Amino acid sequence: MEVCLRSLLKGGDEVEIIIVDDGSTDDTGRIADSYALKFPKIVKAIHQPNGGHGAGIMTALN
């Protein structure tokens, strides 16, 4: 995930990165929070209980 985020951040502040962590058991939440703190105008980390793929997409779109 960090490789992907670093690649996306090369776009500068012309991008918005929304990460929805829906109950993952790996380091997704920690990594998302770390990048949201470092790049608060670009990266948004959202944490929610697992609601499935569609729920995660809808959360990001809202």
Protein backbone atom coordinates (compact mmCIF):
# COMPACT_ATOMS: atom_id res chain seq x y z
CA MET A 1 0.00 0.00 0.00
CA GLU A 2 2.82 2.41 0.78
CA VAL A 3 4.31 1.93 -2.71
CA CYS A 4 0.94 2.79 -4.22
CA LEU A 5 0.52 5.85 -2.00
CA ARG A 6 3.99 7.16 -2.80
CA SER A 7 3.23 6.78 -6.50
CA LEU A 8 -0.08 8.63 -6.22
CA LEU A 9 1.50 11.43 -4.20
CA LYS A 10 3.81 12.22 -7.11
CA GLY A 11 0.77 13.96 -8.58
CA GLY A 12 1.24 16.74 -6.02
CA ASP A 13 -1.73 18.44 -4.46
CA GLU A 14 -3.78 17.97 -7.63
CA VAL A 15 -4.98 14.59 -6.29
CA GLU A 16 -7.21 13.45 -3.45
CA ILE A 17 -6.54 10.04 -1.95
CA ILE A 18 -9.35 8.45 0.07
CA ILE A 19 -8.51 5.30 2.01
CA VAL A 20 -11.39 3.33 3.51
CA ASP A 21 -10.21 0.86 6.13
CA ASP A 22 -13.17 -1.37 6.82
CA GLY A 23 -11.95 -3.66 9.54
CA SER A 24 -8.69 -4.82 7.99
CA THR A 25 -6.44 -6.92 10.21
CA ASP A 26 -3.14 -5.86 8.64
CA ASP A 27 -1.40 -2.47 8.90
CA THR A 28 -3.78 -0.68 6.53
CA GLY A 29 -5.30 1.51 9.24
CA ARG A 30 -1.95 2.53 10.69
CA ILE A 31 -0.48 3.29 7.27
CA ALA A 32 -3.57 5.27 6.24
CA ASP A 33 -3.46 7.35 9.41
CA SER A 34 0.26 7.98 8.98
CA TYR A 35 -0.19 9.35 5.46
CA ALA A 36 -3.28 11.35 6.44
CA LEU A 37 -1.22 13.07 9.15
CA LYS A 38 1.68 13.77 6.79
CA PHE A 39 -0.51 14.95 3.89
CA PRO A 40 -3.77 16.23 5.45
CA LYS A 41 -4.84 18.18 2.35
CA ILE A 42 -4.40 15.17 0.06
CA VAL A 43 -5.00 11.95 2.04
CA LYS A 44 -8.16 11.14 3.99
CA ALA A 45 -8.34 7.99 6.12
CA ILE A 46 -11.78 6.62 6.98
CA HIS A 47 -12.27 3.76 9.44
CA GLN A 48 -15.48 1.75 9.62
CA PRO A 49 -16.66 -1.77 10.39
CA ASN A 50 -16.47 -4.22 7.50
CA GLY A 51 -19.53 -3.81 5.34
CA GLY A 52 -18.23 -5.42 2.18
CA HIS A 53 -16.72 -4.08 -1.03
CA GLY A 54 -19.74 -2.00 -2.03
CA ALA A 55 -20.01 -0.31 1.36
CA GLY A 56 -16.37 0.75 1.19
CA ILE A 57 -16.84 2.25 -2.25
CA MET A 58 -19.99 4.11 -1.21
CA THR A 59 -18.22 5.50 1.86
CA ALA A 60 -15.38 6.81 -0.30
CA LEU A 61 -17.78 8.38 -2.80
CA ASN A 62 -19.80 10.09 -0.10
